[in-house]
Amino acid sequence: IILSTIIGYIITKKSKDLGYGFFISL
């Protein structure tokens, strides 16, 4: 849970795309 949340956080922060960060984290 912690790792996938961190991955989603980094992707969302860098890409500034909520859907992409959520999808990658999912």
PDB file of all heavy atoms in Angstrom:
ATOM      1  N   ILE A   1       0.839  -1.197   0.000  1.00  0.00           N
ATOM      2  CA  ILE A   1       0.000   0.000   0.000  1.00  0.00           C
ATOM      3  C   ILE A   1       0.876   1.251   0.000  1.00  0.00           C
ATOM      4  O   ILE A   1       0.653   2.188  -0.768  1.00  0.00           O
ATOM      5  CB  ILE A   1      -0.952  -0.007   1.216  1.00  0.00           C
ATOM      6  CG1 ILE A   1      -2.061  -1.014   1.007  1.00  0.00           C
ATOM      7  CG2 ILE A   1      -1.529   1.377   1.483  1.00  0.00           C
ATOM      8  CD1 ILE A   1      -2.924  -1.253   2.230  1.00  0.00           C
ATOM      9  N   ILE A   2       1.891   1.250   0.846  1.00  0.00           N
ATOM     10  CA  ILE A   2       2.786   2.402   0.924  1.00  0.00           C
ATOM     11  C   ILE A   2       3.537   2.596  -0.387  1.00  0.00           C
ATOM     12  O   ILE A   2       3.614   3.721  -0.907  1.00  0.00           O
ATOM     13  CB  ILE A   2       3.749   2.237   2.121  1.00  0.00           C
ATOM     14  CG1 ILE A   2       2.973   2.335   3.434  1.00  0.00           C
ATOM     15  CG2 ILE A   2       4.866   3.276   2.079  1.00  0.00           C
ATOM     16  CD1 ILE A   2       3.757   1.896   4.658  1.00  0.00           C
ATOM     17  N   LEU A   3       4.069   1.508  -0.950  1.00  0.00           N
ATOM     18  CA  LEU A   3       4.817   1.625  -2.199  1.00  0.00           C
ATOM     19  C   LEU A   3       3.947   2.100  -3.360  1.00  0.00           C
ATOM     20  O   LEU A   3       4.356   2.974  -4.129  1.00  0.00           O
ATOM     21  CB  LEU A   3       5.459   0.284  -2.548  1.00  0.00           C
ATOM     22  CG  LEU A   3       6.671  -0.123  -1.736  1.00  0.00           C
ATOM     23  CD1 LEU A   3       7.134  -1.518  -2.136  1.00  0.00           C
ATOM     24  CD2 LEU A   3       7.795   0.865  -1.901  1.00  0.00           C
ATOM     25  N   SER A   4       2.760   1.547  -3.503  1.00  0.00           N
ATOM     26  CA  SER A   4       1.905   1.950  -4.621  1.00  0.00           C
ATOM     27  C   SER A   4       1.404   3.381  -4.447  1.00  0.00           C
ATOM     28  O   SER A   4       1.241   4.105  -5.428  1.00  0.00           O
ATOM     29  CB  SER A   4       0.744   0.979  -4.800  1.00  0.00           C
ATOM     30  OG  SER A   4      -0.064   0.928  -3.656  1.00  0.00           O
ATOM     31  N   THR A   5       1.204   3.816  -3.207  1.00  0.00           N
ATOM     32  CA  THR A   5       0.808   5.203  -2.970  1.00  0.00           C
ATOM     33  C   THR A   5       1.957   6.155  -3.304  1.00  0.00           C
ATOM     34  O   THR A   5       1.736   7.211  -3.906  1.00  0.00           O
ATOM     35  CB  THR A   5       0.357   5.400  -1.512  1.00  0.00           C
ATOM     36  OG1 THR A   5      -0.706   4.485  -1.232  1.00  0.00           O
ATOM     37  CG2 THR A   5      -0.132   6.815  -1.266  1.00  0.00           C
ATOM     38  N   ILE A   6       3.164   5.779  -2.936  1.00  0.00           N
ATOM     39  CA  ILE A   6       4.333   6.609  -3.270  1.00  0.00           C
ATOM     40  C   ILE A   6       4.519   6.680  -4.786  1.00  0.00           C
ATOM     41  O   ILE A   6       4.804   7.754  -5.335  1.00  0.00           O
ATOM     42  CB  ILE A   6       5.593   6.066  -2.570  1.00  0.00           C
ATOM     43  CG1 ILE A   6       5.501   6.329  -1.064  1.00  0.00           C
ATOM     44  CG2 ILE A   6       6.854   6.694  -3.141  1.00  0.00           C
ATOM     45  CD1 ILE A   6       6.591   5.658  -0.253  1.00  0.00           C
ATOM     46  N   ILE A   7       4.343   5.555  -5.467  1.00  0.00           N
ATOM     47  CA  ILE A   7       4.445   5.545  -6.932  1.00  0.00           C
ATOM     48  C   ILE A   7       3.405   6.482  -7.538  1.00  0.00           C
ATOM     49  O   ILE A   7       3.711   7.293  -8.414  1.00  0.00           O
ATOM     50  CB  ILE A   7       4.295   4.110  -7.476  1.00  0.00           C
ATOM     51  CG1 ILE A   7       5.508   3.279  -7.097  1.00  0.00           C
ATOM     52  CG2 ILE A   7       4.091   4.111  -8.986  1.00  0.00           C
ATOM     53  CD1 ILE A   7       5.349   1.796  -7.357  1.00  0.00           C
ATOM     54  N   GLY A   8       2.164   6.388  -7.065  1.00  0.00           N
ATOM     55  CA  GLY A   8       1.112   7.272  -7.564  1.00  0.00           C
ATOM     56  C   GLY A   8       1.381   8.729  -7.244  1.00  0.00           C
ATOM     57  O   GLY A   8       1.125   9.619  -8.066  1.00  0.00           O
ATOM     58  N   TYR A   9       1.927   8.991  -6.064  1.00  0.00           N
ATOM     59  CA  TYR A   9       2.277  10.358  -5.673  1.00  0.00           C
ATOM     60  C   TYR A   9       3.328  10.941  -6.616  1.00  0.00           C
ATOM     61  O   TYR A   9       3.180  12.071  -7.102  1.00  0.00           O
ATOM     62  CB  TYR A   9       2.784  10.362  -4.229  1.00  0.00           C
ATOM     63  CG  TYR A   9       3.360  11.672  -3.773  1.00  0.00           C
ATOM     64  CD1 TYR A   9       2.527  12.710  -3.381  1.00  0.00           C
ATOM     65  CD2 TYR A   9       4.729  11.880  -3.732  1.00  0.00           C
ATOM     66  CE1 TYR A   9       3.045  13.914  -2.960  1.00  0.00           C
ATOM     67  CE2 TYR A   9       5.262  13.080  -3.321  1.00  0.00           C
ATOM     68  CZ  TYR A   9       4.417  14.104  -2.928  1.00  0.00           C
ATOM     69  OH  TYR A   9       4.942  15.300  -2.529  1.00  0.00           O
ATOM     70  N   ILE A  10       4.369  10.170  -6.876  1.00  0.00           N
ATOM     71  CA  ILE A  10       5.451  10.656  -7.745  1.00  0.00           C
ATOM     72  C   ILE A  10       4.950  10.884  -9.165  1.00  0.00           C
ATOM     73  O   ILE A  10       5.232  11.929  -9.771  1.00  0.00           O
ATOM     74  CB  ILE A  10       6.633   9.665  -7.721  1.00  0.00           C
ATOM     75  CG1 ILE A  10       7.296   9.691  -6.344  1.00  0.00           C
ATOM     76  CG2 ILE A  10       7.646   9.988  -8.809  1.00  0.00           C
ATOM     77  CD1 ILE A  10       8.318   8.591  -6.131  1.00  0.00           C
ATOM     78  N   ILE A  11       4.182   9.950  -9.692  1.00  0.00           N
ATOM     79  CA  ILE A  11       3.660  10.082 -11.058  1.00  0.00           C
ATOM     80  C   ILE A  11       2.703  11.266 -11.156  1.00  0.00           C
ATOM     81  O   ILE A  11       2.772  12.057 -12.102  1.00  0.00           O
ATOM     82  CB  ILE A  11       2.964   8.778 -11.511  1.00  0.00           C
ATOM     83  CG1 ILE A  11       3.936   7.609 -11.525  1.00  0.00           C
ATOM     84  CG2 ILE A  11       2.289   8.952 -12.853  1.00  0.00           C
ATOM     85  CD1 ILE A  11       5.020   7.691 -12.555  1.00  0.00           C
ATOM     86  N   THR A  12       1.819  11.416 -10.185  1.00  0.00           N
ATOM     87  CA  THR A  12       0.870  12.529 -10.203  1.00  0.00           C
ATOM     88  C   THR A  12       1.592  13.866 -10.087  1.00  0.00           C
ATOM     89  O   THR A  12       1.252  14.829 -10.764  1.00  0.00           O
ATOM     90  CB  THR A  12      -0.159  12.380  -9.060  1.00  0.00           C
ATOM     91  OG1 THR A  12      -0.834  11.137  -9.204  1.00  0.00           O
ATOM     92  CG2 THR A  12      -1.178  13.501  -9.084  1.00  0.00           C
ATOM     93  N   LYS A  13       2.588  13.929  -9.226  1.00  0.00           N
ATOM     94  CA  LYS A  13       3.340  15.167  -9.014  1.00  0.00           C
ATOM     95  C   LYS A  13       4.124  15.553 -10.273  1.00  0.00           C
ATOM     96  O   LYS A  13       4.121  16.720 -10.660  1.00  0.00           O
ATOM     97  CB  LYS A  13       4.288  14.964  -7.827  1.00  0.00           C
ATOM     98  CG  LYS A  13       4.793  16.216  -7.239  1.00  0.00           C
ATOM     99  CD  LYS A  13       3.840  16.711  -6.207  1.00  0.00           C
ATOM    100  CE  LYS A  13       4.571  17.687  -5.307  1.00  0.00           C
ATOM    101  NZ  LYS A  13       3.699  18.647  -4.739  1.00  0.00           N
ATOM    102  N   LYS A  14       4.791  14.588 -10.895  1.00  0.00           N
ATOM    103  CA  LYS A  14       5.619  14.891 -12.068  1.00  0.00           C
ATOM    104  C   LYS A  14       4.795  15.163 -13.312  1.00  0.00           C
ATOM    105  O   LYS A  14       5.092  16.081 -14.069  1.00  0.00           O
ATOM    106  CB  LYS A  14       6.607  13.764 -12.328  1.00  0.00           C
ATOM    107  CG  LYS A  14       7.720  13.721 -11.317  1.00  0.00           C
ATOM    108  CD  LYS A  14       8.829  12.820 -11.775  1.00  0.00           C
ATOM    109  CE  LYS A  14       9.879  12.798 -10.692  1.00  0.00           C
ATOM    110  NZ  LYS A  14      11.200  13.041 -11.192  1.00  0.00           N
ATOM    111  N   SER A  15       3.763  14.349 -13.542  1.00  0.00           N
ATOM    112  CA  SER A  15       2.980  14.498 -14.777  1.00  0.00           C
ATOM    113  C   SER A  15       1.860  15.520 -14.639  1.00  0.00           C
ATOM    114  O   SER A  15       1.325  15.969 -15.650  1.00  0.00           O
ATOM    115  CB  SER A  15       2.389  13.155 -15.190  1.00  0.00           C
ATOM    116  OG  SER A  15       1.372  12.752 -14.295  1.00  0.00           O
ATOM    117  N   LYS A  16       1.491  15.850 -13.413  1.00  0.00           N
ATOM    118  CA  LYS A  16       0.355  16.748 -13.133  1.00  0.00           C
ATOM    119  C   LYS A  16      -0.934  16.242 -13.787  1.00  0.00           C
ATOM    120  O   LYS A  16      -1.786  17.011 -14.184  1.00  0.00           O
ATOM    121  CB  LYS A  16       0.674  18.171 -13.583  1.00  0.00           C
ATOM    122  CG  LYS A  16       1.772  18.809 -12.776  1.00  0.00           C
ATOM    123  CD  LYS A  16       1.935  20.256 -13.151  1.00  0.00           C
ATOM    124  CE  LYS A  16       2.845  20.943 -12.199  1.00  0.00           C
ATOM    125  NZ  LYS A  16       4.203  21.040 -12.498  1.00  0.00           N
ATOM    126  N   ASP A  17      -1.037  14.917 -13.871  1.00  0.00           N
ATOM    127  CA  ASP A  17      -2.213  14.270 -14.447  1.00  0.00           C
ATOM    128  C   ASP A  17      -2.768  13.285 -13.419  1.00  0.00           C
ATOM    129  O   ASP A  17      -2.156  12.254 -13.147  1.00  0.00           O
ATOM    130  CB  ASP A  17      -1.831  13.553 -15.733  1.00  0.00           C
ATOM    131  CG  ASP A  17      -3.038  12.969 -16.450  1.00  0.00           C
ATOM    132  OD1 ASP A  17      -4.184  13.176 -16.002  1.00  0.00           O
ATOM    133  OD2 ASP A  17      -2.826  12.291 -17.476  1.00  0.00           O
ATOM    134  N   LEU A  18      -3.910  13.626 -12.855  1.00  0.00           N
ATOM    135  CA  LEU A  18      -4.518  12.814 -11.802  1.00  0.00           C
ATOM    136  C   LEU A  18      -4.880  11.418 -12.292  1.00  0.00           C
ATOM    137  O   LEU A  18      -4.610  10.424 -11.632  1.00  0.00           O
ATOM    138  CB  LEU A  18      -5.755  13.520 -11.245  1.00  0.00           C
ATOM    139  CG  LEU A  18      -6.586  12.775 -10.223  1.00  0.00           C
ATOM    140  CD1 LEU A  18      -5.769  12.512  -8.970  1.00  0.00           C
ATOM    141  CD2 LEU A  18      -7.841  13.550  -9.894  1.00  0.00           C
ATOM    142  N   GLY A  19      -5.478  11.330 -13.455  1.00  0.00           N
ATOM    143  CA  GLY A  19      -5.907  10.038 -13.983  1.00  0.00           C
ATOM    144  C   GLY A  19      -4.747   9.094 -14.241  1.00  0.00           C
ATOM    145  O   GLY A  19      -4.822   7.900 -13.938  1.00  0.00           O
ATOM    146  N   TYR A  20      -3.665   9.624 -14.796  1.00  0.00           N
ATOM    147  CA  TYR A  20      -2.498   8.801 -15.089  1.00  0.00           C
ATOM    148  C   TYR A  20      -1.847   8.303 -13.801  1.00  0.00           C
ATOM    149  O   TYR A  20      -1.504   7.125 -13.688  1.00  0.00           O
ATOM    150  CB  TYR A  20      -1.503   9.602 -15.938  1.00  0.00           C
ATOM    151  CG  TYR A  20      -0.302   8.815 -16.375  1.00  0.00           C
ATOM    152  CD1 TYR A  20      -0.436   7.704 -17.201  1.00  0.00           C
ATOM    153  CD2 TYR A  20       0.967   9.179 -15.970  1.00  0.00           C
ATOM    154  CE1 TYR A  20       0.666   6.977 -17.610  1.00  0.00           C
ATOM    155  CE2 TYR A  20       2.082   8.465 -16.371  1.00  0.00           C
ATOM    156  CZ  TYR A  20       1.923   7.376 -17.193  1.00  0.00           C
ATOM    157  OH  TYR A  20       3.024   6.654 -17.584  1.00  0.00           O
ATOM    158  N   GLY A  21      -1.671   9.194 -12.828  1.00  0.00           N
ATOM    159  CA  GLY A  21      -1.080   8.798 -11.552  1.00  0.00           C
ATOM    160  C   GLY A  21      -1.932   7.766 -10.827  1.00  0.00           C
ATOM    161  O   GLY A  21      -1.412   6.804 -10.258  1.00  0.00           O
ATOM    162  N   PHE A  22      -3.261   7.963 -10.867  1.00  0.00           N
ATOM    163  CA  PHE A  22      -4.167   7.009 -10.229  1.00  0.00           C
ATOM    164  C   PHE A  22      -4.106   5.664 -10.929  1.00  0.00           C
ATOM    165  O   PHE A  22      -4.070   4.610 -10.278  1.00  0.00           O
ATOM    166  CB  PHE A  22      -5.592   7.565 -10.232  1.00  0.00           C
ATOM    167  CG  PHE A  22      -6.599   6.654  -9.600  1.00  0.00           C
ATOM    168  CD1 PHE A  22      -6.608   6.462  -8.230  1.00  0.00           C
ATOM    169  CD2 PHE A  22      -7.529   5.985 -10.375  1.00  0.00           C
ATOM    170  CE1 PHE A  22      -7.533   5.604  -7.639  1.00  0.00           C
ATOM    171  CE2 PHE A  22      -8.460   5.145  -9.793  1.00  0.00           C
ATOM    172  CZ  PHE A  22      -8.459   4.951  -8.425  1.00  0.00           C
ATOM    173  N   PHE A  23      -4.082   5.677 -12.259  1.00  0.00           N
ATOM    174  CA  PHE A  23      -4.041   4.431 -13.018  1.00  0.00           C
ATOM    175  C   PHE A  23      -2.763   3.651 -12.737  1.00  0.00           C
ATOM    176  O   PHE A  23      -2.808   2.438 -12.498  1.00  0.00           O
ATOM    177  CB  PHE A  23      -4.171   4.717 -14.526  1.00  0.00           C
ATOM    178  CG  PHE A  23      -4.041   3.492 -15.368  1.00  0.00           C
ATOM    179  CD1 PHE A  23      -5.059   2.561 -15.428  1.00  0.00           C
ATOM    180  CD2 PHE A  23      -2.882   3.259 -16.098  1.00  0.00           C
ATOM    181  CE1 PHE A  23      -4.939   1.417 -16.191  1.00  0.00           C
ATOM    182  CE2 PHE A  23      -2.754   2.120 -16.863  1.00  0.00           C
ATOM    183  CZ  PHE A  23      -3.779   1.195 -16.928  1.00  0.00           C
ATOM    184  N   ILE A  24      -1.630   4.336 -12.744  1.00  0.00           N
ATOM    185  CA  ILE A  24      -0.357   3.670 -12.481  1.00  0.00           C
ATOM    186  C   ILE A  24      -0.346   3.098 -11.062  1.00  0.00           C
ATOM    187  O   ILE A  24       0.104   1.974 -10.828  1.00  0.00           O
ATOM    188  CB  ILE A  24       0.820   4.638 -12.696  1.00  0.00           C
ATOM    189  CG1 ILE A  24       0.919   5.040 -14.159  1.00  0.00           C
ATOM    190  CG2 ILE A  24       2.134   4.047 -12.195  1.00  0.00           C
ATOM    191  CD1 ILE A  24       1.222   3.915 -15.108  1.00  0.00           C
ATOM    192  N   SER A  25      -0.847   3.864 -10.112  1.00  0.00           N
ATOM    193  CA  SER A  25      -0.898   3.391  -8.736  1.00  0.00           C
ATOM    194  C   SER A  25      -1.852   2.207  -8.592  1.00  0.00           C
ATOM    195  O   SER A  25      -1.570   1.261  -7.848  1.00  0.00           O
ATOM    196  CB  SER A  25      -1.322   4.532  -7.813  1.00  0.00           C
ATOM    197  OG  SER A  25      -1.223   4.156  -6.488  1.00  0.00           O
ATOM    198  N   LEU A  26      -2.951   2.248  -9.300  1.00  0.00           N
ATOM    199  CA  LEU A  26      -3.916   1.148  -9.272  1.00  0.00           C
ATOM    200  C   LEU A  26      -3.319  -0.128  -9.868  1.00  0.00           C
ATOM    201  O   LEU A  26      -3.484  -1.218  -9.311  1.00  0.00           O
ATOM    202  CB  LEU A  26      -5.179   1.558 -10.034  1.00  0.00           C
ATOM    203  CG  LEU A  26      -6.427   0.736  -9.837  1.00  0.00           C
ATOM    204  CD1 LEU A  26      -6.889   0.832  -8.391  1.00  0.00           C
ATOM    205  CD2 LEU A  26      -7.511   1.234 -10.759  1.00  0.00           C
TER     206      LEU A  26
END
